[in-house]
């Protein structure tokens, strides 16, 4: 799932080489922390947060099929 999230985010931004996705366990949930270049933050979040909401929906759907729980956080 980390590879899928990395692929999605890299295709949204202008500087794909600066995308960093880390994975950590938080109880029964896996948290993916996304870091991007400062200028790319708006492209990942989108107008009124629409893009990151859809990325989260997609990741939750993939995780649900595998019987897991995930969340996606964008860090600055």
PDB file of N, CA and C in Angstrom:
ATOM      1  N   UNK A   1       0.818  -1.193   0.000  1.00  0.00           N
ATOM      2  CA  UNK A   1       0.000   0.000   0.000  1.00  0.00           C
ATOM      3  C   UNK A   1       0.863   1.259   0.000  1.00  0.00           C
ATOM      4  N   UNK A   2       2.025   1.172   0.635  1.00  0.00           N
ATOM      5  CA  UNK A   2       2.929   2.324   0.647  1.00  0.00           C
ATOM      6  C   UNK A   2       3.355   2.682  -0.771  1.00  0.00           C
ATOM      7  N   UNK A   3       3.576   1.674  -1.591  1.00  0.00           N
ATOM      8  CA  UNK A   3       3.991   1.916  -2.971  1.00  0.00           C
ATOM      9  C   UNK A   3       2.883   2.605  -3.766  1.00  0.00           C
ATOM     10  N   UNK A   4       1.636   2.202  -3.530  1.00  0.00           N
ATOM     11  CA  UNK A   4       0.497   2.825  -4.199  1.00  0.00           C
ATOM     12  C   UNK A   4       0.381   4.291  -3.824  1.00  0.00           C
ATOM     13  N   UNK A   5       0.482   4.583  -2.550  1.00  0.00           N
ATOM     14  CA  UNK A   5       0.387   5.966  -2.083  1.00  0.00           C
ATOM     15  C   UNK A   5       1.534   6.804  -2.643  1.00  0.00           C
ATOM     16  N   UNK A   6       2.728   6.264  -2.640  1.00  0.00           N
ATOM     17  CA  UNK A   6       3.883   6.981  -3.193  1.00  0.00           C
ATOM     18  C   UNK A   6       3.667   7.269  -4.672  1.00  0.00           C
ATOM     19  N   UNK A   7       3.186   6.299  -5.418  1.00  0.00           N
ATOM     20  CA  UNK A   7       2.911   6.477  -6.841  1.00  0.00           C
ATOM     21  C   UNK A   7       1.875   7.578  -7.069  1.00  0.00           C
ATOM     22  N   UNK A   8       0.790   7.555  -6.302  1.00  0.00           N
ATOM     23  CA  UNK A   8      -0.264   8.567  -6.448  1.00  0.00           C
ATOM     24  C   UNK A   8       0.270   9.970  -6.190  1.00  0.00           C
ATOM     25  N   UNK A   9       0.983  10.135  -5.083  1.00  0.00           N
ATOM     26  CA  UNK A   9       1.478  11.454  -4.709  1.00  0.00           C
ATOM     27  C   UNK A   9       2.530  11.942  -5.705  1.00  0.00           C
ATOM     28  N   UNK A  10       3.412  11.070  -6.149  1.00  0.00           N
ATOM     29  CA  UNK A  10       4.454  11.482  -7.098  1.00  0.00           C
ATOM     30  C   UNK A  10       3.868  11.970  -8.415  1.00  0.00           C
ATOM     31  N   UNK A  11       2.727  11.427  -8.798  1.00  0.00           N
ATOM     32  CA  UNK A  11       2.108  11.854 -10.048  1.00  0.00           C
ATOM     33  C   UNK A  11       1.291  13.132  -9.897  1.00  0.00           C
ATOM     34  N   UNK A  12       1.110  13.606  -8.685  1.00  0.00           N
ATOM     35  CA  UNK A  12       0.387  14.855  -8.451  1.00  0.00           C
ATOM     36  C   UNK A  12       1.311  16.068  -8.415  1.00  0.00           C
ATOM     37  N   UNK A  13       2.561  15.874  -8.043  1.00  0.00           N
ATOM     38  CA  UNK A  13       3.451  16.994  -7.741  1.00  0.00           C
ATOM     39  C   UNK A  13       4.417  17.317  -8.876  1.00  0.00           C
ATOM     40  N   UNK A  14       5.048  18.508  -8.772  1.00  0.00           N
ATOM     41  CA  UNK A  14       6.058  18.930  -9.746  1.00  0.00           C
ATOM     42  C   UNK A  14       7.436  18.349  -9.440  1.00  0.00           C
ATOM     43  N   UNK A  15       7.693  18.017  -8.180  1.00  0.00           N
ATOM     44  CA  UNK A  15       8.991  17.491  -7.756  1.00  0.00           C
ATOM     45  C   UNK A  15       8.819  16.105  -7.144  1.00  0.00           C
ATOM     46  N   UNK A  16       8.617  15.076  -7.990  1.00  0.00           N
ATOM     47  CA  UNK A  16       8.348  13.731  -7.460  1.00  0.00           C
ATOM     48  C   UNK A  16       9.518  13.135  -6.676  1.00  0.00           C
ATOM     49  N   UNK A  17      10.739  13.601  -6.934  1.00  0.00           N
ATOM     50  CA  UNK A  17      11.893  13.064  -6.221  1.00  0.00           C
ATOM     51  C   UNK A  17      11.941  13.525  -4.764  1.00  0.00           C
ATOM     52  N   UNK A  18      11.160  14.537  -4.402  1.00  0.00           N
ATOM     53  CA  UNK A  18      11.140  15.041  -3.030  1.00  0.00           C
ATOM     54  C   UNK A  18       9.977  14.471  -2.211  1.00  0.00           C
ATOM     55  N   UNK A  19       9.245  13.510  -2.762  1.00  0.00           N
ATOM     56  CA  UNK A  19       8.131  12.886  -2.045  1.00  0.00           C
ATOM     57  C   UNK A  19       8.686  11.837  -1.087  1.00  0.00           C
ATOM     58  N   UNK A  20       8.219  11.893   0.154  1.00  0.00           N
ATOM     59  CA  UNK A  20       8.638  10.933   1.168  1.00  0.00           C
ATOM     60  C   UNK A  20       7.393  10.393   1.863  1.00  0.00           C
ATOM     61  N   UNK A  21       7.254   9.070   1.882  1.00  0.00           N
ATOM     62  CA  UNK A  21       6.130   8.430   2.563  1.00  0.00           C
ATOM     63  C   UNK A  21       6.695   7.491   3.616  1.00  0.00           C
ATOM     64  N   UNK A  22       6.313   7.725   4.868  1.00  0.00           N
ATOM     65  CA  UNK A  22       6.741   6.836   5.944  1.00  0.00           C
ATOM     66  C   UNK A  22       5.512   6.154   6.527  1.00  0.00           C
ATOM     67  N   UNK A  23       5.742   4.984   7.049  1.00  0.00           N
ATOM     68  CA  UNK A  23       4.656   4.150   7.572  1.00  0.00           C
ATOM     69  C   UNK A  23       4.915   3.881   9.043  1.00  0.00           C
ATOM     70  N   UNK A  24       3.904   4.090   9.879  1.00  0.00           N
ATOM     71  CA  UNK A  24       4.056   3.779  11.297  1.00  0.00           C
ATOM     72  C   UNK A  24       2.772   3.159  11.823  1.00  0.00           C
ATOM     73  N   UNK A  25       2.924   2.303  12.804  1.00  0.00           N
ATOM     74  CA  UNK A  25       1.763   1.660  13.414  1.00  0.00           C
ATOM     75  C   UNK A  25       1.274   2.509  14.575  1.00  0.00           C
ATOM     76  N   UNK A  26      -0.035   2.667  14.645  1.00  0.00           N
ATOM     77  CA  UNK A  26      -0.657   3.411  15.739  1.00  0.00           C
ATOM     78  C   UNK A  26      -1.835   2.581  16.235  1.00  0.00           C
ATOM     79  N   UNK A  27      -1.553   1.719  17.181  1.00  0.00           N
ATOM     80  CA  UNK A  27      -2.582   0.793  17.656  1.00  0.00           C
ATOM     81  C   UNK A  27      -2.876  -0.237  16.589  1.00  0.00           C
ATOM     82  N   UNK A  28      -4.140  -0.356  16.207  1.00  0.00           N
ATOM     83  CA  UNK A  28      -4.518  -1.314  15.164  1.00  0.00           C
ATOM     84  C   UNK A  28      -4.532  -0.678  13.787  1.00  0.00           C
ATOM     85  N   UNK A  29      -4.108   0.581  13.720  1.00  0.00           N
ATOM     86  CA  UNK A  29      -4.163   1.339  12.460  1.00  0.00           C
ATOM     87  C   UNK A  29      -2.756   1.623  11.959  1.00  0.00           C
ATOM     88  N   UNK A  30      -2.600   1.639  10.640  1.00  0.00           N
ATOM     89  CA  UNK A  30      -1.348   2.034  10.023  1.00  0.00           C
ATOM     90  C   UNK A  30      -1.490   3.472   9.542  1.00  0.00           C
ATOM     91  N   UNK A  31      -0.535   4.307   9.912  1.00  0.00           N
ATOM     92  CA  UNK A  31      -0.567   5.719   9.531  1.00  0.00           C
ATOM     93  C   UNK A  31       0.529   5.963   8.512  1.00  0.00           C
ATOM     94  N   UNK A  32       0.154   6.525   7.364  1.00  0.00           N
ATOM     95  CA  UNK A  32       1.111   6.909   6.345  1.00  0.00           C
ATOM     96  C   UNK A  32       1.322   8.410   6.442  1.00  0.00           C
ATOM     97  N   UNK A  33       2.584   8.813   6.622  1.00  0.00           N
ATOM     98  CA  UNK A  33       2.926  10.228   6.708  1.00  0.00           C
ATOM     99  C   UNK A  33       3.575  10.645   5.397  1.00  0.00           C
ATOM    100  N   UNK A  34       2.983  11.653   4.752  1.00  0.00           N
ATOM    101  CA  UNK A  34       3.450  12.111   3.439  1.00  0.00           C
ATOM    102  C   UNK A  34       4.130  13.465   3.599  1.00  0.00           C
ATOM    103  N   UNK A  35       5.324  13.564   3.042  1.00  0.00           N
ATOM    104  CA  UNK A  35       6.041  14.841   2.999  1.00  0.00           C
ATOM    105  C   UNK A  35       6.347  15.153   1.542  1.00  0.00           C
ATOM    106  N   UNK A  36       6.106  16.409   1.157  1.00  0.00           N
ATOM    107  CA  UNK A  36       6.393  16.860  -0.208  1.00  0.00           C
ATOM    108  C   UNK A  36       7.122  18.195  -0.133  1.00  0.00           C
ATOM    109  N   UNK A  37       7.622  18.675  -1.281  1.00  0.00           N
ATOM    110  CA  UNK A  37       8.271  19.983  -1.348  1.00  0.00           C
ATOM    111  C   UNK A  37       7.258  21.070  -0.986  1.00  0.00           C
ATOM    112  N   UNK A  38       7.754  22.183  -0.468  1.00  0.00           N
ATOM    113  CA  UNK A  38       6.867  23.266  -0.029  1.00  0.00           C
ATOM    114  C   UNK A  38       5.923  23.735  -1.136  1.00  0.00           C
ATOM    115  N   UNK A  39       6.409  23.866  -2.343  1.00  0.00           N
ATOM    116  CA  UNK A  39       5.582  24.346  -3.447  1.00  0.00           C
ATOM    117  C   UNK A  39       4.545  23.350  -3.918  1.00  0.00           C
ATOM    118  N   UNK A  40       4.695  22.097  -3.536  1.00  0.00           N
ATOM    119  CA  UNK A  40       3.778  21.050  -3.981  1.00  0.00           C
ATOM    120  C   UNK A  40       2.666  20.757  -2.977  1.00  0.00           C
ATOM    121  N   UNK A  41       2.720  21.374  -1.825  1.00  0.00           N
ATOM    122  CA  UNK A  41       1.734  21.098  -0.776  1.00  0.00           C
ATOM    123  C   UNK A  41       0.312  21.362  -1.270  1.00  0.00           C
ATOM    124  N   UNK A  42       0.101  22.450  -1.968  1.00  0.00           N
ATOM    125  CA  UNK A  42      -1.232  22.796  -2.472  1.00  0.00           C
ATOM    126  C   UNK A  42      -1.752  21.800  -3.491  1.00  0.00           C
ATOM    127  N   UNK A  43      -0.859  21.225  -4.276  1.00  0.00           N
ATOM    128  CA  UNK A  43      -1.281  20.249  -5.282  1.00  0.00           C
ATOM    129  C   UNK A  43      -1.745  18.954  -4.636  1.00  0.00           C
ATOM    130  N   UNK A  44      -1.140  18.600  -3.521  1.00  0.00           N
ATOM    131  CA  UNK A  44      -1.518  17.375  -2.821  1.00  0.00           C
ATOM    132  C   UNK A  44      -2.835  17.582  -2.070  1.00  0.00           C
ATOM    133  N   UNK A  45      -2.984  18.738  -1.447  1.00  0.00           N
ATOM    134  CA  UNK A  45      -4.193  19.003  -0.671  1.00  0.00           C
ATOM    135  C   UNK A  45      -5.368  19.333  -1.582  1.00  0.00           C
ATOM    136  N   UNK A  46      -5.149  20.170  -2.585  1.00  0.00           N
ATOM    137  CA  UNK A  46      -6.213  20.524  -3.521  1.00  0.00           C
ATOM    138  C   UNK A  46      -7.121  21.608  -2.981  1.00  0.00           C
ATOM    139  N   UNK A  47      -7.960  22.102  -3.842  1.00  0.00           N
ATOM    140  CA  UNK A  47      -8.902  23.147  -3.458  1.00  0.00           C
ATOM    141  C   UNK A  47      -9.895  22.583  -2.448  1.00  0.00           C
ATOM    142  N   UNK A  48      -9.968  23.214  -1.302  1.00  0.00           N
ATOM    143  CA  UNK A  48     -10.824  22.798  -0.182  1.00  0.00           C
ATOM    144  C   UNK A  48     -10.541  21.362   0.269  1.00  0.00           C
ATOM    145  N   UNK A  49      -9.320  20.885   0.042  1.00  0.00           N
ATOM    146  CA  UNK A  49      -8.926  19.560   0.506  1.00  0.00           C
ATOM    147  C   UNK A  49      -9.486  18.408  -0.295  1.00  0.00           C
ATOM    148  N   UNK A  50      -9.973  18.665  -1.484  1.00  0.00           N
ATOM    149  CA  UNK A  50     -10.634  17.611  -2.262  1.00  0.00           C
ATOM    150  C   UNK A  50      -9.692  16.494  -2.679  1.00  0.00           C
ATOM    151  N   UNK A  51      -8.489  16.840  -3.093  1.00  0.00           N
ATOM    152  CA  UNK A  51      -7.571  15.806  -3.602  1.00  0.00           C
ATOM    153  C   UNK A  51      -7.135  14.873  -2.486  1.00  0.00           C
ATOM    154  N   UNK A  52      -6.715  15.427  -1.354  1.00  0.00           N
ATOM    155  CA  UNK A  52      -6.268  14.567  -0.261  1.00  0.00           C
ATOM    156  C   UNK A  52      -7.428  13.741   0.292  1.00  0.00           C
ATOM    157  N   UNK A  53      -8.634  14.264   0.258  1.00  0.00           N
ATOM    158  CA  UNK A  53      -9.796  13.478   0.689  1.00  0.00           C
ATOM    159  C   UNK A  53      -9.969  12.252  -0.192  1.00  0.00           C
ATOM    160  N   UNK A  54      -9.836  12.434  -1.497  1.00  0.00           N
ATOM    161  CA  UNK A  54      -9.996  11.307  -2.418  1.00  0.00           C
ATOM    162  C   UNK A  54      -8.859  10.306  -2.289  1.00  0.00           C
ATOM    163  N   UNK A  55      -7.653  10.788  -2.026  1.00  0.00           N
ATOM    164  CA  UNK A  55      -6.528   9.878  -1.797  1.00  0.00           C
ATOM    165  C   UNK A  55      -6.803   9.037  -0.551  1.00  0.00           C
ATOM    166  N   UNK A  56      -7.325   9.671   0.490  1.00  0.00           N
ATOM    167  CA  UNK A  56      -7.647   8.943   1.720  1.00  0.00           C
ATOM    168  C   UNK A  56      -8.743   7.907   1.482  1.00  0.00           C
ATOM    169  N   UNK A  57      -9.763   8.274   0.712  1.00  0.00           N
ATOM    170  CA  UNK A  57     -10.846   7.333   0.400  1.00  0.00           C
ATOM    171  C   UNK A  57     -10.297   6.127  -0.356  1.00  0.00           C
ATOM    172  N   UNK A  58      -9.432   6.381  -1.321  1.00  0.00           N
ATOM    173  CA  UNK A  58      -8.849   5.298  -2.106  1.00  0.00           C
ATOM    174  C   UNK A  58      -8.001   4.382  -1.230  1.00  0.00           C
ATOM    175  N   UNK A  59      -7.177   4.962  -0.373  1.00  0.00           N
ATOM    176  CA  UNK A  59      -6.318   4.154   0.490  1.00  0.00           C
ATOM    177  C   UNK A  59      -7.142   3.344   1.495  1.00  0.00           C
ATOM    178  N   UNK A  60      -8.210   3.939   2.021  1.00  0.00           N
ATOM    179  CA  UNK A  60      -9.067   3.199   2.953  1.00  0.00           C
ATOM    180  C   UNK A  60      -9.781   2.047   2.258  1.00  0.00           C
ATOM    181  N   UNK A  61     -10.168   2.247   0.997  1.00  0.00           N
ATOM    182  CA  UNK A  61     -10.831   1.185   0.244  1.00  0.00           C
ATOM    183  C   UNK A  61      -9.869   0.018   0.004  1.00  0.00           C
ATOM    184  N   UNK A  62      -8.641   0.324  -0.347  1.00  0.00           N
ATOM    185  CA  UNK A  62      -7.636  -0.731  -0.569  1.00  0.00           C
ATOM    186  C   UNK A  62      -7.359  -1.467   0.733  1.00  0.00           C
ATOM    187  N   UNK A  63      -7.229  -0.727   1.824  1.00  0.00           N
ATOM    188  CA  UNK A  63      -6.944  -1.342   3.122  1.00  0.00           C
ATOM    189  C   UNK A  63      -8.102  -2.210   3.584  1.00  0.00           C
ATOM    190  N   UNK A  64      -9.320  -1.762   3.339  1.00  0.00           N
ATOM    191  CA  UNK A  64     -10.496  -2.521   3.767  1.00  0.00           C
ATOM    192  C   UNK A  64     -10.563  -3.865   3.068  1.00  0.00           C
ATOM    193  N   UNK A  65     -10.154  -3.898   1.819  1.00  0.00           N
ATOM    194  CA  UNK A  65     -10.151  -5.179   1.092  1.00  0.00           C
ATOM    195  C   UNK A  65      -9.144  -6.147   1.693  1.00  0.00           C
ATOM    196  N   UNK A  66      -8.111  -5.611   2.342  1.00  0.00           N
ATOM    197  CA  UNK A  66      -7.093  -6.452   2.973  1.00  0.00           C
ATOM    198  C   UNK A  66      -7.364  -6.660   4.458  1.00  0.00           C
ATOM    199  N   UNK A  67      -8.472  -6.085   4.948  1.00  0.00           N
ATOM    200  CA  UNK A  67      -8.830  -6.247   6.351  1.00  0.00           C
ATOM    201  C   UNK A  67      -8.001  -5.404   7.306  1.00  0.00           C
ATOM    202  N   UNK A  68      -7.525  -4.264   6.840  1.00  0.00           N
ATOM    203  CA  UNK A  68      -6.685  -3.392   7.664  1.00  0.00           C
ATOM    204  C   UNK A  68      -7.322  -2.011   7.777  1.00  0.00           C
ATOM    205  N   UNK A  69      -6.766  -1.186   8.666  1.00  0.00           N
ATOM    206  CA  UNK A  69      -7.197   0.194   8.805  1.00  0.00           C
ATOM    207  C   UNK A  69      -5.990   1.096   8.533  1.00  0.00           C
ATOM    208  N   UNK A  70      -6.203   2.140   7.732  1.00  0.00           N
ATOM    209  CA  UNK A  70      -5.123   3.071   7.433  1.00  0.00           C
ATOM    210  C   UNK A  70      -5.619   4.497   7.509  1.00  0.00           C
ATOM    211  N   UNK A  71      -4.673   5.412   7.680  1.00  0.00           N
ATOM    212  CA  UNK A  71      -4.968   6.825   7.560  1.00  0.00           C
ATOM    213  C   UNK A  71      -3.773   7.484   6.887  1.00  0.00           C
ATOM    214  N   UNK A  72      -4.033   8.627   6.251  1.00  0.00           N
ATOM    215  CA  UNK A  72      -2.997   9.346   5.524  1.00  0.00           C
ATOM    216  C   UNK A  72      -2.906  10.752   6.107  1.00  0.00           C
ATOM    217  N   UNK A  73      -1.685  11.150   6.488  1.00  0.00           N
ATOM    218  CA  UNK A  73      -1.445  12.480   7.019  1.00  0.00           C
ATOM    219  C   UNK A  73      -0.423  13.175   6.127  1.00  0.00           C
ATOM    220  N   UNK A  74      -0.681  14.453   5.833  1.00  0.00           N
ATOM    221  CA  UNK A  74       0.271  15.250   5.065  1.00  0.00           C
ATOM    222  C   UNK A  74       0.996  16.157   6.047  1.00  0.00           C
ATOM    223  N   UNK A  75       2.312  16.010   6.102  1.00  0.00           N
ATOM    224  CA  UNK A  75       3.124  16.788   7.037  1.00  0.00           C
ATOM    225  C   UNK A  75       3.893  17.867   6.291  1.00  0.00           C
ATOM    226  N   UNK A  76       4.122  18.983   6.980  1.00  0.00           N
ATOM    227  CA  UNK A  76       4.899  20.046   6.343  1.00  0.00           C
ATOM    228  C   UNK A  76       6.300  20.122   6.902  1.00  0.00           C
TER     229      UNK A  76
END
